[in-house]
Amino acid sequence: EVSTMELEHYPGMTEKSIEAMIDEAMARFD
């Protein structure tokens, strides 16, 4: 059983990583 989930991230690095992932999707797919 899971009562809560806590998520952490590295501000700036996380957004940059996801932006790069979207750029890759834009290049791979129309």
mmCIF file of all heavy atoms, coordinates in Angstrom:
data_MODEL
# 
_entry.id   MODEL 
# 
loop_
_atom_site.group_PDB 
_atom_site.id 
_atom_site.type_symbol 
_atom_site.label_atom_id 
_atom_site.label_alt_id 
_atom_site.label_comp_id 
_atom_site.label_asym_id 
_atom_site.label_entity_id 
_atom_site.label_seq_id 
_atom_site.pdbx_PDB_ins_code 
_atom_site.Cartn_x 
_atom_site.Cartn_y 
_atom_site.Cartn_z 
_atom_site.occupancy 
_atom_site.B_iso_or_equiv 
_atom_site.pdbx_formal_charge 
_atom_site.auth_seq_id 
_atom_site.auth_comp_id 
_atom_site.auth_asym_id 
_atom_site.auth_atom_id 
_atom_site.pdbx_PDB_model_num 
ATOM 1   N N   . GLU A 1 1  ? 0.849  -1.181 0.000   1.00 0.00 ? 1  GLU A N   1 
ATOM 2   C CA  . GLU A 1 1  ? 0.000  0.000  0.000   1.00 0.00 ? 1  GLU A CA  1 
ATOM 3   C C   . GLU A 1 1  ? 0.891  1.240  0.000   1.00 0.00 ? 1  GLU A C   1 
ATOM 4   O O   . GLU A 1 1  ? 1.908  1.280  0.684   1.00 0.00 ? 1  GLU A O   1 
ATOM 5   C CB  . GLU A 1 1  ? -0.882 -0.024 1.251   1.00 0.00 ? 1  GLU A CB  1 
ATOM 6   C CG  . GLU A 1 1  ? -1.883 1.089  1.323   1.00 0.00 ? 1  GLU A CG  1 
ATOM 7   C CD  . GLU A 1 1  ? -2.733 0.976  2.579   1.00 0.00 ? 1  GLU A CD  1 
ATOM 8   O OE1 . GLU A 1 1  ? -3.147 -0.152 2.931   1.00 0.00 ? 1  GLU A OE1 1 
ATOM 9   O OE2 . GLU A 1 1  ? -2.961 2.023  3.194   1.00 0.00 ? 1  GLU A OE2 1 
ATOM 10  N N   . VAL A 1 2  ? 0.508  2.226  -0.785  1.00 0.00 ? 2  VAL A N   1 
ATOM 11  C CA  . VAL A 1 2  ? 1.251  3.486  -0.846  1.00 0.00 ? 2  VAL A CA  1 
ATOM 12  C C   . VAL A 1 2  ? 0.328  4.592  -0.348  1.00 0.00 ? 2  VAL A C   1 
ATOM 13  O O   . VAL A 1 2  ? -0.744 4.810  -0.912  1.00 0.00 ? 2  VAL A O   1 
ATOM 14  C CB  . VAL A 1 2  ? 1.728  3.788  -2.286  1.00 0.00 ? 2  VAL A CB  1 
ATOM 15  C CG1 . VAL A 1 2  ? 2.378  5.165  -2.369  1.00 0.00 ? 2  VAL A CG1 1 
ATOM 16  C CG2 . VAL A 1 2  ? 2.684  2.709  -2.772  1.00 0.00 ? 2  VAL A CG2 1 
ATOM 17  N N   . SER A 1 3  ? 0.741  5.283  0.715   1.00 0.00 ? 3  SER A N   1 
ATOM 18  C CA  . SER A 1 3  ? -0.096 6.354  1.267   1.00 0.00 ? 3  SER A CA  1 
ATOM 19  C C   . SER A 1 3  ? 0.227  7.715  0.657   1.00 0.00 ? 3  SER A C   1 
ATOM 20  O O   . SER A 1 3  ? -0.657 8.551  0.492   1.00 0.00 ? 3  SER A O   1 
ATOM 21  C CB  . SER A 1 3  ? 0.025  6.414  2.786   1.00 0.00 ? 3  SER A CB  1 
ATOM 22  O OG  . SER A 1 3  ? 1.376  6.610  3.159   1.00 0.00 ? 3  SER A OG  1 
ATOM 23  N N   . THR A 1 4  ? 1.495  7.940  0.311   1.00 0.00 ? 4  THR A N   1 
ATOM 24  C CA  . THR A 1 4  ? 1.905  9.175  -0.364  1.00 0.00 ? 4  THR A CA  1 
ATOM 25  C C   . THR A 1 4  ? 3.102  8.895  -1.258  1.00 0.00 ? 4  THR A C   1 
ATOM 26  O O   . THR A 1 4  ? 3.809  7.906  -1.080  1.00 0.00 ? 4  THR A O   1 
ATOM 27  C CB  . THR A 1 4  ? 2.321  10.290 0.641   1.00 0.00 ? 4  THR A CB  1 
ATOM 28  O OG1 . THR A 1 4  ? 3.456  9.847  1.383   1.00 0.00 ? 4  THR A OG1 1 
ATOM 29  C CG2 . THR A 1 4  ? 1.177  10.673 1.565   1.00 0.00 ? 4  THR A CG2 1 
ATOM 30  N N   . MET A 1 5  ? 3.304  9.804  -2.206  1.00 0.00 ? 5  MET A N   1 
ATOM 31  C CA  . MET A 1 5  ? 4.500  9.776  -3.042  1.00 0.00 ? 5  MET A CA  1 
ATOM 32  C C   . MET A 1 5  ? 5.065  11.186 -3.047  1.00 0.00 ? 5  MET A C   1 
ATOM 33  O O   . MET A 1 5  ? 4.326  12.151 -3.229  1.00 0.00 ? 5  MET A O   1 
ATOM 34  C CB  . MET A 1 5  ? 4.204  9.338  -4.463  1.00 0.00 ? 5  MET A CB  1 
ATOM 35  C CG  . MET A 1 5  ? 5.435  9.403  -5.360  1.00 0.00 ? 5  MET A CG  1 
ATOM 36  S SD  . MET A 1 5  ? 5.114  8.906  -7.048  1.00 0.00 ? 5  MET A SD  1 
ATOM 37  C CE  . MET A 1 5  ? 5.236  7.139  -6.835  1.00 0.00 ? 5  MET A CE  1 
ATOM 38  N N   . GLU A 1 6  ? 6.361  11.282 -2.819  1.00 0.00 ? 6  GLU A N   1 
ATOM 39  C CA  . GLU A 1 6  ? 7.022  12.580 -2.859  1.00 0.00 ? 6  GLU A CA  1 
ATOM 40  C C   . GLU A 1 6  ? 8.003  12.589 -4.017  1.00 0.00 ? 6  GLU A C   1 
ATOM 41  O O   . GLU A 1 6  ? 8.811  11.678 -4.158  1.00 0.00 ? 6  GLU A O   1 
ATOM 42  C CB  . GLU A 1 6  ? 7.751  12.858 -1.549  1.00 0.00 ? 6  GLU A CB  1 
ATOM 43  C CG  . GLU A 1 6  ? 8.289  14.254 -1.470  1.00 0.00 ? 6  GLU A CG  1 
ATOM 44  C CD  . GLU A 1 6  ? 8.782  14.622 -0.080  1.00 0.00 ? 6  GLU A CD  1 
ATOM 45  O OE1 . GLU A 1 6  ? 8.791  13.754 0.816   1.00 0.00 ? 6  GLU A OE1 1 
ATOM 46  O OE2 . GLU A 1 6  ? 9.173  15.778 0.094   1.00 0.00 ? 6  GLU A OE2 1 
ATOM 47  N N   . LEU A 1 7  ? 7.898  13.612 -4.850  1.00 0.00 ? 7  LEU A N   1 
ATOM 48  C CA  . LEU A 1 7  ? 8.782  13.735 -6.011  1.00 0.00 ? 7  LEU A CA  1 
ATOM 49  C C   . LEU A 1 7  ? 9.699  14.925 -5.850  1.00 0.00 ? 7  LEU A C   1 
ATOM 50  O O   . LEU A 1 7  ? 9.264  16.008 -5.466  1.00 0.00 ? 7  LEU A O   1 
ATOM 51  C CB  . LEU A 1 7  ? 7.960  13.920 -7.292  1.00 0.00 ? 7  LEU A CB  1 
ATOM 52  C CG  . LEU A 1 7  ? 7.335  12.630 -7.791  1.00 0.00 ? 7  LEU A CG  1 
ATOM 53  C CD1 . LEU A 1 7  ? 5.904  12.571 -7.388  1.00 0.00 ? 7  LEU A CD1 1 
ATOM 54  C CD2 . LEU A 1 7  ? 7.504  12.539 -9.262  1.00 0.00 ? 7  LEU A CD2 1 
ATOM 55  N N   . GLU A 1 8  ? 10.973 14.686 -6.162  1.00 0.00 ? 8  GLU A N   1 
ATOM 56  C CA  . GLU A 1 8  ? 11.975 15.737 -6.137  1.00 0.00 ? 8  GLU A CA  1 
ATOM 57  C C   . GLU A 1 8  ? 12.569 15.854 -7.537  1.00 0.00 ? 8  GLU A C   1 
ATOM 58  O O   . GLU A 1 8  ? 12.546 14.897 -8.312  1.00 0.00 ? 8  GLU A O   1 
ATOM 59  C CB  . GLU A 1 8  ? 13.075 15.401 -5.137  1.00 0.00 ? 8  GLU A CB  1 
ATOM 60  C CG  . GLU A 1 8  ? 12.591 15.292 -3.705  1.00 0.00 ? 8  GLU A CG  1 
ATOM 61  C CD  . GLU A 1 8  ? 13.693 14.896 -2.730  1.00 0.00 ? 8  GLU A CD  1 
ATOM 62  O OE1 . GLU A 1 8  ? 14.869 14.819 -3.139  1.00 0.00 ? 8  GLU A OE1 1 
ATOM 63  O OE2 . GLU A 1 8  ? 13.364 14.663 -1.557  1.00 0.00 ? 8  GLU A OE2 1 
ATOM 64  N N   . HIS A 1 9  ? 13.115 17.016 -7.828  1.00 0.00 ? 9  HIS A N   1 
ATOM 65  C CA  . HIS A 1 9  ? 13.787 17.222 -9.113  1.00 0.00 ? 9  HIS A CA  1 
ATOM 66  C C   . HIS A 1 9  ? 14.912 18.226 -8.920  1.00 0.00 ? 9  HIS A C   1 
ATOM 67  O O   . HIS A 1 9  ? 15.040 18.837 -7.854  1.00 0.00 ? 9  HIS A O   1 
ATOM 68  C CB  . HIS A 1 9  ? 12.804 17.701 -10.179 1.00 0.00 ? 9  HIS A CB  1 
ATOM 69  C CG  . HIS A 1 9  ? 12.420 19.141 -10.066 1.00 0.00 ? 9  HIS A CG  1 
ATOM 70  N ND1 . HIS A 1 9  ? 11.774 19.667 -8.971  1.00 0.00 ? 9  HIS A ND1 1 
ATOM 71  C CD2 . HIS A 1 9  ? 12.603 20.169 -10.916 1.00 0.00 ? 9  HIS A CD2 1 
ATOM 72  C CE1 . HIS A 1 9  ? 11.565 20.962 -9.164  1.00 0.00 ? 9  HIS A CE1 1 
ATOM 73  N NE2 . HIS A 1 9  ? 12.062 21.291 -10.327 1.00 0.00 ? 9  HIS A NE2 1 
ATOM 74  N N   . TYR A 1 10 ? 15.715 18.372 -9.942  1.00 0.00 ? 10 TYR A N   1 
ATOM 75  C CA  . TYR A 1 10 ? 16.808 19.331 -9.928  1.00 0.00 ? 10 TYR A CA  1 
ATOM 76  C C   . TYR A 1 10 ? 16.370 20.494 -10.810 1.00 0.00 ? 10 TYR A C   1 
ATOM 77  O O   . TYR A 1 10 ? 16.406 20.387 -12.037 1.00 0.00 ? 10 TYR A O   1 
ATOM 78  C CB  . TYR A 1 10 ? 18.085 18.680 -10.465 1.00 0.00 ? 10 TYR A CB  1 
ATOM 79  C CG  . TYR A 1 10 ? 19.321 19.486 -10.217 1.00 0.00 ? 10 TYR A CG  1 
ATOM 80  C CD1 . TYR A 1 10 ? 20.123 19.245 -9.115  1.00 0.00 ? 10 TYR A CD1 1 
ATOM 81  C CD2 . TYR A 1 10 ? 19.693 20.492 -11.113 1.00 0.00 ? 10 TYR A CD2 1 
ATOM 82  C CE1 . TYR A 1 10 ? 21.268 19.995 -8.893  1.00 0.00 ? 10 TYR A CE1 1 
ATOM 83  C CE2 . TYR A 1 10 ? 20.832 21.238 -10.897 1.00 0.00 ? 10 TYR A CE2 1 
ATOM 84  C CZ  . TYR A 1 10 ? 21.612 20.987 -9.790  1.00 0.00 ? 10 TYR A CZ  1 
ATOM 85  O OH  . TYR A 1 10 ? 22.743 21.724 -9.572  1.00 0.00 ? 10 TYR A OH  1 
ATOM 86  N N   . PRO A 1 11 ? 15.909 21.609 -10.208 1.00 0.00 ? 11 PRO A N   1 
ATOM 87  C CA  . PRO A 1 11 ? 15.400 22.740 -10.996 1.00 0.00 ? 11 PRO A CA  1 
ATOM 88  C C   . PRO A 1 11 ? 16.412 23.205 -12.042 1.00 0.00 ? 11 PRO A C   1 
ATOM 89  O O   . PRO A 1 11 ? 17.608 23.293 -11.782 1.00 0.00 ? 11 PRO A O   1 
ATOM 90  C CB  . PRO A 1 11 ? 15.153 23.824 -9.946  1.00 0.00 ? 11 PRO A CB  1 
ATOM 91  C CG  . PRO A 1 11 ? 14.931 23.066 -8.675  1.00 0.00 ? 11 PRO A CG  1 
ATOM 92  C CD  . PRO A 1 11 ? 15.855 21.875 -8.764  1.00 0.00 ? 11 PRO A CD  1 
ATOM 93  N N   . GLY A 1 12 ? 15.906 23.475 -13.207 1.00 0.00 ? 12 GLY A N   1 
ATOM 94  C CA  . GLY A 1 12 ? 16.755 23.890 -14.324 1.00 0.00 ? 12 GLY A CA  1 
ATOM 95  C C   . GLY A 1 12 ? 17.228 22.704 -15.130 1.00 0.00 ? 12 GLY A C   1 
ATOM 96  O O   . GLY A 1 12 ? 17.015 22.651 -16.332 1.00 0.00 ? 12 GLY A O   1 
ATOM 97  N N   . MET A 1 13 ? 17.856 21.743 -14.498 1.00 0.00 ? 13 MET A N   1 
ATOM 98  C CA  . MET A 1 13 ? 18.336 20.554 -15.193 1.00 0.00 ? 13 MET A CA  1 
ATOM 99  C C   . MET A 1 13 ? 17.161 19.713 -15.696 1.00 0.00 ? 13 MET A C   1 
ATOM 100 O O   . MET A 1 13 ? 17.193 19.205 -16.823 1.00 0.00 ? 13 MET A O   1 
ATOM 101 C CB  . MET A 1 13 ? 19.218 19.712 -14.272 1.00 0.00 ? 13 MET A CB  1 
ATOM 102 C CG  . MET A 1 13 ? 19.824 18.507 -14.971 1.00 0.00 ? 13 MET A CG  1 
ATOM 103 S SD  . MET A 1 13 ? 21.007 17.635 -13.921 1.00 0.00 ? 13 MET A SD  1 
ATOM 104 C CE  . MET A 1 13 ? 19.923 16.523 -13.072 1.00 0.00 ? 13 MET A CE  1 
ATOM 105 N N   . THR A 1 14 ? 16.125 19.569 -14.878 1.00 0.00 ? 14 THR A N   1 
ATOM 106 C CA  . THR A 1 14 ? 14.975 18.756 -15.260 1.00 0.00 ? 14 THR A CA  1 
ATOM 107 C C   . THR A 1 14 ? 14.276 19.356 -16.474 1.00 0.00 ? 14 THR A C   1 
ATOM 108 O O   . THR A 1 14 ? 13.995 18.655 -17.452 1.00 0.00 ? 14 THR A O   1 
ATOM 109 C CB  . THR A 1 14 ? 14.001 18.607 -14.075 1.00 0.00 ? 14 THR A CB  1 
ATOM 110 O OG1 . THR A 1 14 ? 14.717 18.032 -12.977 1.00 0.00 ? 14 THR A OG1 1 
ATOM 111 C CG2 . THR A 1 14 ? 12.828 17.724 -14.435 1.00 0.00 ? 14 THR A CG2 1 
ATOM 112 N N   . GLU A 1 15 ? 14.014 20.649 -16.434 1.00 0.00 ? 15 GLU A N   1 
ATOM 113 C CA  . GLU A 1 15 ? 13.346 21.308 -17.559 1.00 0.00 ? 15 GLU A CA  1 
ATOM 114 C C   . GLU A 1 15 ? 14.188 21.211 -18.834 1.00 0.00 ? 15 GLU A C   1 
ATOM 115 O O   . GLU A 1 15 ? 13.645 20.928 -19.910 1.00 0.00 ? 15 GLU A O   1 
ATOM 116 C CB  . GLU A 1 15 ? 13.074 22.785 -17.227 1.00 0.00 ? 15 GLU A CB  1 
ATOM 117 C CG  . GLU A 1 15 ? 12.040 22.991 -16.146 1.00 0.00 ? 15 GLU A CG  1 
ATOM 118 C CD  . GLU A 1 15 ? 12.595 22.969 -14.718 1.00 0.00 ? 15 GLU A CD  1 
ATOM 119 O OE1 . GLU A 1 15 ? 13.768 22.550 -14.518 1.00 0.00 ? 15 GLU A OE1 1 
ATOM 120 O OE2 . GLU A 1 15 ? 11.865 23.365 -13.805 1.00 0.00 ? 15 GLU A OE2 1 
ATOM 121 N N   . LYS A 1 16 ? 15.489 21.420 -18.700 1.00 0.00 ? 16 LYS A N   1 
ATOM 122 C CA  . LYS A 1 16 ? 16.386 21.337 -19.858 1.00 0.00 ? 16 LYS A CA  1 
ATOM 123 C C   . LYS A 1 16 ? 16.367 19.935 -20.461 1.00 0.00 ? 16 LYS A C   1 
ATOM 124 O O   . LYS A 1 16 ? 16.350 19.771 -21.683 1.00 0.00 ? 16 LYS A O   1 
ATOM 125 C CB  . LYS A 1 16 ? 17.808 21.729 -19.437 1.00 0.00 ? 16 LYS A CB  1 
ATOM 126 C CG  . LYS A 1 16 ? 18.788 21.794 -20.567 1.00 0.00 ? 16 LYS A CG  1 
ATOM 127 C CD  . LYS A 1 16 ? 20.158 22.253 -20.087 1.00 0.00 ? 16 LYS A CD  1 
ATOM 128 C CE  . LYS A 1 16 ? 21.146 22.257 -21.230 1.00 0.00 ? 16 LYS A CE  1 
ATOM 129 N NZ  . LYS A 1 16 ? 22.484 22.669 -20.792 1.00 0.00 ? 16 LYS A NZ  1 
ATOM 130 N N   . SER A 1 17 ? 16.370 18.929 -19.628 1.00 0.00 ? 17 SER A N   1 
ATOM 131 C CA  . SER A 1 17 ? 16.332 17.544 -20.091 1.00 0.00 ? 17 SER A CA  1 
ATOM 132 C C   . SER A 1 17 ? 15.041 17.248 -20.855 1.00 0.00 ? 17 SER A C   1 
ATOM 133 O O   . SER A 1 17 ? 15.055 16.618 -21.913 1.00 0.00 ? 17 SER A O   1 
ATOM 134 C CB  . SER A 1 17 ? 16.463 16.601 -18.895 1.00 0.00 ? 17 SER A CB  1 
ATOM 135 O OG  . SER A 1 17 ? 16.244 15.271 -19.270 1.00 0.00 ? 17 SER A OG  1 
ATOM 136 N N   . ILE A 1 18 ? 13.924 17.720 -20.330 1.00 0.00 ? 18 ILE A N   1 
ATOM 137 C CA  . ILE A 1 18 ? 12.639 17.466 -20.981 1.00 0.00 ? 18 ILE A CA  1 
ATOM 138 C C   . ILE A 1 18 ? 12.515 18.274 -22.273 1.00 0.00 ? 18 ILE A C   1 
ATOM 139 O O   . ILE A 1 18 ? 11.982 17.782 -23.275 1.00 0.00 ? 18 ILE A O   1 
ATOM 140 C CB  . ILE A 1 18 ? 11.474 17.725 -20.011 1.00 0.00 ? 18 ILE A CB  1 
ATOM 141 C CG1 . ILE A 1 18 ? 11.556 16.736 -18.836 1.00 0.00 ? 18 ILE A CG1 1 
ATOM 142 C CG2 . ILE A 1 18 ? 10.127 17.597 -20.721 1.00 0.00 ? 18 ILE A CG2 1 
ATOM 143 C CD1 . ILE A 1 18 ? 10.594 17.025 -17.697 1.00 0.00 ? 18 ILE A CD1 1 
ATOM 144 N N   . GLU A 1 19 ? 13.024 19.497 -22.280 1.00 0.00 ? 19 GLU A N   1 
ATOM 145 C CA  . GLU A 1 19 ? 13.040 20.293 -23.518 1.00 0.00 ? 19 GLU A CA  1 
ATOM 146 C C   . GLU A 1 19 ? 13.814 19.551 -24.616 1.00 0.00 ? 19 GLU A C   1 
ATOM 147 O O   . GLU A 1 19 ? 13.384 19.497 -25.765 1.00 0.00 ? 19 GLU A O   1 
ATOM 148 C CB  . GLU A 1 19 ? 13.662 21.672 -23.279 1.00 0.00 ? 19 GLU A CB  1 
ATOM 149 C CG  . GLU A 1 19 ? 12.774 22.643 -22.556 1.00 0.00 ? 19 GLU A CG  1 
ATOM 150 C CD  . GLU A 1 19 ? 11.645 23.218 -23.410 1.00 0.00 ? 19 GLU A CD  1 
ATOM 151 O OE1 . GLU A 1 19 ? 11.621 23.022 -24.644 1.00 0.00 ? 19 GLU A OE1 1 
ATOM 152 O OE2 . GLU A 1 19 ? 10.782 23.891 -22.829 1.00 0.00 ? 19 GLU A OE2 1 
ATOM 153 N N   . ALA A 1 20 ? 14.973 18.985 -24.261 1.00 0.00 ? 20 ALA A N   1 
ATOM 154 C CA  . ALA A 1 20 ? 15.772 18.231 -25.234 1.00 0.00 ? 20 ALA A CA  1 
ATOM 155 C C   . ALA A 1 20 ? 14.999 17.008 -25.732 1.00 0.00 ? 20 ALA A C   1 
ATOM 156 O O   . ALA A 1 20 ? 15.074 16.650 -26.910 1.00 0.00 ? 20 ALA A O   1 
ATOM 157 C CB  . ALA A 1 20 ? 17.109 17.817 -24.619 1.00 0.00 ? 20 ALA A CB  1 
ATOM 158 N N   . MET A 1 21 ? 14.251 16.379 -24.833 1.00 0.00 ? 21 MET A N   1 
ATOM 159 C CA  . MET A 1 21 ? 13.441 15.220 -25.203 1.00 0.00 ? 21 MET A CA  1 
ATOM 160 C C   . MET A 1 21 ? 12.351 15.640 -26.196 1.00 0.00 ? 21 MET A C   1 
ATOM 161 O O   . MET A 1 21 ? 12.089 14.927 -27.170 1.00 0.00 ? 21 MET A O   1 
ATOM 162 C CB  . MET A 1 21 ? 12.842 14.645 -23.922 1.00 0.00 ? 21 MET A CB  1 
ATOM 163 C CG  . MET A 1 21 ? 11.776 13.622 -24.090 1.00 0.00 ? 21 MET A CG  1 
ATOM 164 S SD  . MET A 1 21 ? 11.068 13.043 -22.530 1.00 0.00 ? 21 MET A SD  1 
ATOM 165 C CE  . MET A 1 21 ? 11.118 14.454 -21.473 1.00 0.00 ? 21 MET A CE  1 
ATOM 166 N N   . ILE A 1 22 ? 11.737 16.784 -25.979 1.00 0.00 ? 22 ILE A N   1 
ATOM 167 C CA  . ILE A 1 22 ? 10.709 17.272 -26.915 1.00 0.00 ? 22 ILE A CA  1 
ATOM 168 C C   . ILE A 1 22 ? 11.351 17.609 -28.256 1.00 0.00 ? 22 ILE A C   1 
ATOM 169 O O   . ILE A 1 22 ? 10.788 17.292 -29.317 1.00 0.00 ? 22 ILE A O   1 
ATOM 170 C CB  . ILE A 1 22 ? 9.949  18.475 -26.320 1.00 0.00 ? 22 ILE A CB  1 
ATOM 171 C CG1 . ILE A 1 22 ? 9.091  18.017 -25.133 1.00 0.00 ? 22 ILE A CG1 1 
ATOM 172 C CG2 . ILE A 1 22 ? 9.082  19.149 -27.386 1.00 0.00 ? 22 ILE A CG2 1 
ATOM 173 C CD1 . ILE A 1 22 ? 8.425  19.139 -24.357 1.00 0.00 ? 22 ILE A CD1 1 
ATOM 174 N N   . ASP A 1 23 ? 12.526 18.230 -28.241 1.00 0.00 ? 23 ASP A N   1 
ATOM 175 C CA  . ASP A 1 23 ? 13.240 18.505 -29.494 1.00 0.00 ? 23 ASP A CA  1 
ATOM 176 C C   . ASP A 1 23 ? 13.480 17.213 -30.268 1.00 0.00 ? 23 ASP A C   1 
ATOM 177 O O   . ASP A 1 23 ? 13.316 17.170 -31.491 1.00 0.00 ? 23 ASP A O   1 
ATOM 178 C CB  . ASP A 1 23 ? 14.582 19.195 -29.216 1.00 0.00 ? 23 ASP A CB  1 
ATOM 179 C CG  . ASP A 1 23 ? 14.428 20.636 -28.749 1.00 0.00 ? 23 ASP A CG  1 
ATOM 180 O OD1 . ASP A 1 23 ? 13.342 21.230 -28.922 1.00 0.00 ? 23 ASP A OD1 1 
ATOM 181 O OD2 . ASP A 1 23 ? 15.417 21.167 -28.187 1.00 0.00 ? 23 ASP A OD2 1 
ATOM 182 N N   . GLU A 1 24 ? 13.871 16.152 -29.557 1.00 0.00 ? 24 GLU A N   1 
ATOM 183 C CA  . GLU A 1 24 ? 14.101 14.857 -30.207 1.00 0.00 ? 24 GLU A CA  1 
ATOM 184 C C   . GLU A 1 24 ? 12.806 14.304 -30.803 1.00 0.00 ? 24 GLU A C   1 
ATOM 185 O O   . GLU A 1 24 ? 12.795 13.771 -31.914 1.00 0.00 ? 24 GLU A O   1 
ATOM 186 C CB  . GLU A 1 24 ? 14.693 13.864 -29.205 1.00 0.00 ? 24 GLU A CB  1 
ATOM 187 C CG  . GLU A 1 24 ? 14.966 12.491 -29.773 1.00 0.00 ? 24 GLU A CG  1 
ATOM 188 C CD  . GLU A 1 24 ? 16.072 12.432 -30.819 1.00 0.00 ? 24 GLU A CD  1 
ATOM 189 O OE1 . GLU A 1 24 ? 16.905 13.366 -30.900 1.00 0.00 ? 24 GLU A OE1 1 
ATOM 190 O OE2 . GLU A 1 24 ? 16.105 11.448 -31.582 1.00 0.00 ? 24 GLU A OE2 1 
ATOM 191 N N   . ALA A 1 25 ? 11.691 14.435 -30.089 1.00 0.00 ? 25 ALA A N   1 
ATOM 192 C CA  . ALA A 1 25 ? 10.395 13.978 -30.609 1.00 0.00 ? 25 ALA A CA  1 
ATOM 193 C C   . ALA A 1 25 ? 10.004 14.775 -31.850 1.00 0.00 ? 25 ALA A C   1 
ATOM 194 O O   . ALA A 1 25 ? 9.493  14.204 -32.827 1.00 0.00 ? 25 ALA A O   1 
ATOM 195 C CB  . ALA A 1 25 ? 9.314  14.102 -29.538 1.00 0.00 ? 25 ALA A CB  1 
ATOM 196 N N   . MET A 1 26 ? 10.259 16.078 -31.833 1.00 0.00 ? 26 MET A N   1 
ATOM 197 C CA  . MET A 1 26 ? 9.938  16.925 -32.993 1.00 0.00 ? 26 MET A CA  1 
ATOM 198 C C   . MET A 1 26 ? 10.770 16.502 -34.216 1.00 0.00 ? 26 MET A C   1 
ATOM 199 O O   . MET A 1 26 ? 10.286 16.546 -35.341 1.00 0.00 ? 26 MET A O   1 
ATOM 200 C CB  . MET A 1 26 ? 10.195 18.398 -32.667 1.00 0.00 ? 26 MET A CB  1 
ATOM 201 C CG  . MET A 1 26 ? 9.405  18.958 -31.506 1.00 0.00 ? 26 MET A CG  1 
ATOM 202 S SD  . MET A 1 26 ? 7.675  19.258 -31.808 1.00 0.00 ? 26 MET A SD  1 
ATOM 203 C CE  . MET A 1 26 ? 7.706  20.731 -32.766 1.00 0.00 ? 26 MET A CE  1 
ATOM 204 N N   . ALA A 1 27 ? 12.010 16.074 -33.988 1.00 0.00 ? 27 ALA A N   1 
ATOM 205 C CA  . ALA A 1 27 ? 12.878 15.639 -35.082 1.00 0.00 ? 27 ALA A CA  1 
ATOM 206 C C   . ALA A 1 27 ? 12.477 14.260 -35.610 1.00 0.00 ? 27 ALA A C   1 
ATOM 207 O O   . ALA A 1 27 ? 12.598 13.993 -36.805 1.00 0.00 ? 27 ALA A O   1 
ATOM 208 C CB  . ALA A 1 27 ? 14.335 15.616 -34.613 1.00 0.00 ? 27 ALA A CB  1 
ATOM 209 N N   . ARG A 1 28 ? 11.991 13.388 -34.732 1.00 0.00 ? 28 ARG A N   1 
ATOM 210 C CA  . ARG A 1 28 ? 11.663 12.014 -35.117 1.00 0.00 ? 28 ARG A CA  1 
ATOM 211 C C   . ARG A 1 28 ? 10.282 11.867 -35.749 1.00 0.00 ? 28 ARG A C   1 
ATOM 212 O O   . ARG A 1 28 ? 10.070 10.968 -36.560 1.00 0.00 ? 28 ARG A O   1 
ATOM 213 C CB  . ARG A 1 28 ? 11.688 11.097 -33.888 1.00 0.00 ? 28 ARG A CB  1 
ATOM 214 C CG  . ARG A 1 28 ? 13.049 10.735 -33.397 1.00 0.00 ? 28 ARG A CG  1 
ATOM 215 C CD  . ARG A 1 28 ? 12.937 9.895  -32.134 1.00 0.00 ? 28 ARG A CD  1 
ATOM 216 N NE  . ARG A 1 28 ? 14.248 9.506  -31.667 1.00 0.00 ? 28 ARG A NE  1 
ATOM 217 C CZ  . ARG A 1 28 ? 14.661 8.254  -31.578 1.00 0.00 ? 28 ARG A CZ  1 
ATOM 218 N NH1 . ARG A 1 28 ? 13.866 7.256  -31.898 1.00 0.00 ? 28 ARG A NH1 1 
ATOM 219 N NH2 . ARG A 1 28 ? 15.869 7.986  -31.144 1.00 0.00 ? 28 ARG A NH2 1 
ATOM 220 N N   . PHE A 1 29 ? 9.349  12.698 -35.331 1.00 0.00 ? 29 PHE A N   1 
ATOM 221 C CA  . PHE A 1 29 ? 7.953  12.534 -35.732 1.00 0.00 ? 29 PHE A CA  1 
ATOM 222 C C   . PHE A 1 29 ? 7.427  13.828 -36.341 1.00 0.00 ? 29 PHE A C   1 
ATOM 223 O O   . PHE A 1 29 ? 7.893  14.914 -36.023 1.00 0.00 ? 29 PHE A O   1 
ATOM 224 C CB  . PHE A 1 29 ? 7.087  12.149 -34.517 1.00 0.00 ? 29 PHE A CB  1 
ATOM 225 C CG  . PHE A 1 29 ? 7.609  10.962 -33.775 1.00 0.00 ? 29 PHE A CG  1 
ATOM 226 C CD1 . PHE A 1 29 ? 8.357  11.125 -32.612 1.00 0.00 ? 29 PHE A CD1 1 
ATOM 227 C CD2 . PHE A 1 29 ? 7.404  9.672  -34.244 1.00 0.00 ? 29 PHE A CD2 1 
ATOM 228 C CE1 . PHE A 1 29 ? 8.861  10.038 -31.917 1.00 0.00 ? 29 PHE A CE1 1 
ATOM 229 C CE2 . PHE A 1 29 ? 7.913  8.574  -33.567 1.00 0.00 ? 29 PHE A CE2 1 
ATOM 230 C CZ  . PHE A 1 29 ? 8.649  8.761  -32.401 1.00 0.00 ? 29 PHE A CZ  1 
ATOM 231 N N   . ASP A 1 30 ? 6.453  13.692 -37.221 1.00 0.00 ? 30 ASP A N   1 
ATOM 232 C CA  . ASP A 1 30 ? 5.848  14.847 -37.879 1.00 0.00 ? 30 ASP A CA  1 
ATOM 233 C C   . ASP A 1 30 ? 4.760  15.414 -36.965 1.00 0.00 ? 30 ASP A C   1 
ATOM 234 O O   . ASP A 1 30 ? 3.563  15.176 -37.166 1.00 0.00 ? 30 ASP A O   1 
ATOM 235 C CB  . ASP A 1 30 ? 5.280  14.427 -39.237 1.00 0.00 ? 30 ASP A CB  1 
ATOM 236 C CG  . ASP A 1 30 ? 4.811  15.609 -40.061 1.00 0.00 ? 30 ASP A CG  1 
ATOM 237 O OD1 . ASP A 1 30 ? 5.140  16.758 -39.700 1.00 0.00 ? 30 ASP A OD1 1 
ATOM 238 O OD2 . ASP A 1 30 ? 4.107  15.383 -41.056 1.00 0.00 ? 30 ASP A OD2 1 
# 
